[in-house]
Amino acid sequence: MSSSAGMWQTIRWPLETCRVGGGVSSQIAPIRRGQRPVNGQPPVQSPALKKYVHDLREYVQAHGGILHDDTGDPAITLDMYEDGDHIARSARPVYTRVFYERLRVLFRPAPRVSGAPAAQ
């Protein structure tokens, strides 16, 4: 694929898998990574792309999922980018914190271990 926008066109969700997940409840949460900002603003998006993302969001939400879109997030700034649309290695800790805060509703805390650790 020549663009990340084309990637979205290949995603298909079998409805029963979304609801059941082989007996385990699961939630779909595709992430649309933002592109490198231009003059502090997200790149211009065509009306067709805006409609596509809107329709995709409605579809995902109608099936119990969440579509997260980094586009235009003010916490993700130009200085965080390296080559092209890739987050620089030095900015990954900051990006990871931003990503977590935006999607914390999806993350469940790890189960607590009860009792003392086993002696070895």
C-alpha atoms as a PDB file:
ATOM      1  CA  MET A   1       0.000   0.000   0.000  1.00  0.00           C
ATOM      2  CA  SER A   2       1.216   3.429  -0.834  1.00  0.00           C
ATOM      3  CA  SER A   3      -0.522   5.239   2.002  1.00  0.00           C
ATOM      4  CA  SER A   4      -1.863   4.664   5.467  1.00  0.00           C
ATOM      5  CA  ALA A   5      -5.287   5.821   4.256  1.00  0.00           C
ATOM      6  CA  GLY A   6      -5.367   2.806   1.931  1.00  0.00           C
ATOM      7  CA  MET A   7      -4.755   0.515   4.897  1.00  0.00           C
ATOM      8  CA  TRP A   8      -8.161   1.382   6.364  1.00  0.00           C
ATOM      9  CA  GLN A   9      -9.883   0.081   3.256  1.00  0.00           C
ATOM     10  CA  THR A  10      -8.557  -3.431   3.879  1.00  0.00           C
ATOM     11  CA  ILE A  11      -9.885  -3.797   7.432  1.00  0.00           C
ATOM     12  CA  ARG A  12     -12.913  -6.049   7.867  1.00  0.00           C
ATOM     13  CA  TRP A  13     -14.487  -7.068  11.159  1.00  0.00           C
ATOM     14  CA  PRO A  14     -16.542 -10.245  11.329  1.00  0.00           C
ATOM     15  CA  LEU A  15     -19.434  -9.155  13.505  1.00  0.00           C
ATOM     16  CA  GLU A  16     -19.591 -12.283  15.649  1.00  0.00           C
ATOM     17  CA  THR A  17     -15.866 -12.076  16.375  1.00  0.00           C
ATOM     18  CA  CYS A  18     -16.383  -8.514  17.593  1.00  0.00           C
ATOM     19  CA  ARG A  19     -19.142  -9.583  19.922  1.00  0.00           C
ATOM     20  CA  VAL A  20     -17.849 -12.909  21.128  1.00  0.00           C
ATOM     21  CA  GLY A  21     -14.163 -13.294  20.295  1.00  0.00           C
ATOM     22  CA  GLY A  22     -14.233 -17.082  20.575  1.00  0.00           C
ATOM     23  CA  GLY A  23     -15.987 -17.007  23.944  1.00  0.00           C
ATOM     24  CA  VAL A  24     -13.964 -14.098  25.308  1.00  0.00           C
ATOM     25  CA  SER A  25     -15.353 -10.608  25.053  1.00  0.00           C
ATOM     26  CA  SER A  26     -13.093  -8.336  23.047  1.00  0.00           C
ATOM     27  CA  GLN A  27     -13.238  -4.763  21.874  1.00  0.00           C
ATOM     28  CA  ILE A  28     -11.993  -3.412  18.567  1.00  0.00           C
ATOM     29  CA  ALA A  29      -9.894  -0.262  18.842  1.00  0.00           C
ATOM     30  CA  PRO A  30      -8.220   0.713  15.572  1.00  0.00           C
ATOM     31  CA  ILE A  31      -5.820   3.631  15.839  1.00  0.00           C
ATOM     32  CA  ARG A  32      -5.477   6.224  13.107  1.00  0.00           C
ATOM     33  CA  ARG A  33      -2.008   7.664  13.500  1.00  0.00           C
ATOM     34  CA  GLY A  34      -1.733  11.335  12.800  1.00  0.00           C
ATOM     35  CA  GLN A  35       0.545  12.632  10.092  1.00  0.00           C
ATOM     36  CA  ARG A  36       3.368  15.079  10.618  1.00  0.00           C
ATOM     37  CA  PRO A  37       1.880  18.518  11.402  1.00  0.00           C
ATOM     38  CA  VAL A  38       2.377  21.312   8.860  1.00  0.00           C
ATOM     39  CA  ASN A  39       2.858  24.767  10.409  1.00  0.00           C
ATOM     40  CA  GLY A  40       1.490  23.452  13.694  1.00  0.00           C
ATOM     41  CA  GLN A  41      -1.675  22.099  12.071  1.00  0.00           C
ATOM     42  CA  PRO A  42      -2.627  18.619  10.845  1.00  0.00           C
ATOM     43  CA  PRO A  43      -2.241  18.159   7.078  1.00  0.00           C
ATOM     44  CA  VAL A  44      -5.278  19.052   4.985  1.00  0.00           C
ATOM     45  CA  GLN A  45      -7.632  16.113   4.577  1.00  0.00           C
ATOM     46  CA  SER A  46      -9.860  15.711   1.556  1.00  0.00           C
ATOM     47  CA  PRO A  47     -13.636  15.709   2.032  1.00  0.00           C
ATOM     48  CA  ALA A  48     -13.626  12.042   0.944  1.00  0.00           C
ATOM     49  CA  LEU A  49     -11.083  11.114   3.649  1.00  0.00           C
ATOM     50  CA  LYS A  50     -13.025  13.028   6.312  1.00  0.00           C
ATOM     51  CA  LYS A  51     -16.223  11.210   5.309  1.00  0.00           C
ATOM     52  CA  TYR A  52     -14.426   7.877   5.295  1.00  0.00           C
ATOM     53  CA  VAL A  53     -13.040   8.380   8.809  1.00  0.00           C
ATOM     54  CA  HIS A  54     -16.453   9.576  10.034  1.00  0.00           C
ATOM     55  CA  ASP A  55     -18.169   6.500   8.533  1.00  0.00           C
ATOM     56  CA  LEU A  56     -15.464   4.197   9.909  1.00  0.00           C
ATOM     57  CA  ARG A  57     -15.867   5.699  13.393  1.00  0.00           C
ATOM     58  CA  GLU A  58     -19.651   5.188  13.257  1.00  0.00           C
ATOM     59  CA  TYR A  59     -19.218   1.591  12.091  1.00  0.00           C
ATOM     60  CA  VAL A  60     -16.669   0.729  14.775  1.00  0.00           C
ATOM     61  CA  GLN A  61     -18.723   2.386  17.529  1.00  0.00           C
ATOM     62  CA  ALA A  62     -21.915   0.666  16.364  1.00  0.00           C
ATOM     63  CA  HIS A  63     -20.116  -2.645  16.950  1.00  0.00           C
ATOM     64  CA  GLY A  64     -18.843  -1.773  20.421  1.00  0.00           C
ATOM     65  CA  GLY A  65     -15.390  -0.559  19.435  1.00  0.00           C
ATOM     66  CA  ILE A  66     -13.499   2.701  19.639  1.00  0.00           C
ATOM     67  CA  LEU A  67     -11.662   4.451  16.798  1.00  0.00           C
ATOM     68  CA  HIS A  68      -8.878   6.657  18.120  1.00  0.00           C
ATOM     69  CA  ASP A  69      -7.587   9.354  15.774  1.00  0.00           C
ATOM     70  CA  ASP A  70      -4.291  11.109  16.559  1.00  0.00           C
ATOM     71  CA  THR A  71      -4.931  13.662  13.796  1.00  0.00           C
ATOM     72  CA  GLY A  72      -4.663  17.191  15.169  1.00  0.00           C
ATOM     73  CA  ASP A  73      -3.866  16.145  18.746  1.00  0.00           C
ATOM     74  CA  PRO A  74      -2.154  19.248  20.201  1.00  0.00           C
ATOM     75  CA  ALA A  75       0.004  17.075  22.482  1.00  0.00           C
ATOM     76  CA  ILE A  76       1.694  15.482  19.451  1.00  0.00           C
ATOM     77  CA  THR A  77       3.935  18.217  18.111  1.00  0.00           C
ATOM     78  CA  LEU A  78       6.240  18.562  15.106  1.00  0.00           C
ATOM     79  CA  ASP A  79       9.375  18.151  17.227  1.00  0.00           C
ATOM     80  CA  MET A  80       8.201  14.622  18.155  1.00  0.00           C
ATOM     81  CA  TYR A  81       8.598  13.400  14.562  1.00  0.00           C
ATOM     82  CA  GLU A  82      11.690  11.850  13.061  1.00  0.00           C
ATOM     83  CA  ASP A  83      11.554  10.783   9.424  1.00  0.00           C
ATOM     84  CA  GLY A  84       8.263  11.108   7.595  1.00  0.00           C
ATOM     85  CA  ASP A  85       5.364  10.346   9.925  1.00  0.00           C
ATOM     86  CA  HIS A  86       7.380   8.297  12.422  1.00  0.00           C
ATOM     87  CA  ILE A  87       7.648   9.331  16.053  1.00  0.00           C
ATOM     88  CA  ALA A  88      11.301   9.948  16.991  1.00  0.00           C
ATOM     89  CA  ARG A  89      12.868   7.430  19.363  1.00  0.00           C
ATOM     90  CA  SER A  90      13.566  10.229  21.843  1.00  0.00           C
ATOM     91  CA  ALA A  91       9.859  11.246  21.804  1.00  0.00           C
ATOM     92  CA  ARG A  92       8.433   7.761  22.261  1.00  0.00           C
ATOM     93  CA  PRO A  93       8.143   7.949  26.073  1.00  0.00           C
ATOM     94  CA  VAL A  94       6.138  11.188  25.793  1.00  0.00           C
ATOM     95  CA  TYR A  95       4.047   9.808  22.915  1.00  0.00           C
ATOM     96  CA  THR A  96       3.384   6.623  24.890  1.00  0.00           C
ATOM     97  CA  ARG A  97       2.105   8.639  27.864  1.00  0.00           C
ATOM     98  CA  VAL A  98      -0.149  10.706  25.576  1.00  0.00           C
ATOM     99  CA  PHE A  99      -1.355   7.521  23.851  1.00  0.00           C
ATOM    100  CA  TYR A 100      -2.117   5.892  27.201  1.00  0.00           C
ATOM    101  CA  GLU A 101      -4.002   8.936  28.494  1.00  0.00           C
ATOM    102  CA  ARG A 102      -6.112   9.129  25.341  1.00  0.00           C
ATOM    103  CA  LEU A 103      -6.930   5.401  25.448  1.00  0.00           C
ATOM    104  CA  ARG A 104      -6.877   4.623  29.163  1.00  0.00           C
ATOM    105  CA  VAL A 105     -10.544   3.595  28.980  1.00  0.00           C
ATOM    106  CA  LEU A 106      -9.385   0.544  27.009  1.00  0.00           C
ATOM    107  CA  PHE A 107      -6.723  -0.592  29.445  1.00  0.00           C
ATOM    108  CA  ARG A 108      -7.595  -2.709  32.423  1.00  0.00           C
ATOM    109  CA  PRO A 109      -5.321  -2.932  35.437  1.00  0.00           C
ATOM    110  CA  ALA A 110      -3.373  -6.153  35.766  1.00  0.00           C
ATOM    111  CA  PRO A 111      -4.898  -8.559  38.271  1.00  0.00           C
ATOM    112  CA  ARG A 112      -3.397  -8.272  41.732  1.00  0.00           C
ATOM    113  CA  VAL A 113      -1.483 -11.244  42.991  1.00  0.00           C
ATOM    114  CA  SER A 114      -2.720 -12.287  46.401  1.00  0.00           C
ATOM    115  CA  GLY A 115      -0.425 -13.589  49.089  1.00  0.00           C
ATOM    116  CA  ALA A 116       3.338 -13.498  49.377  1.00  0.00           C
ATOM    117  CA  PRO A 117       5.529 -14.571  46.460  1.00  0.00           C
ATOM    118  CA  ALA A 118       6.573 -18.206  46.489  1.00  0.00           C
ATOM    119  CA  ALA A 119       9.951 -18.888  48.136  1.00  0.00           C
ATOM    120  CA  GLN A 120      12.642 -20.201  45.829  1.00  0.00           C
END
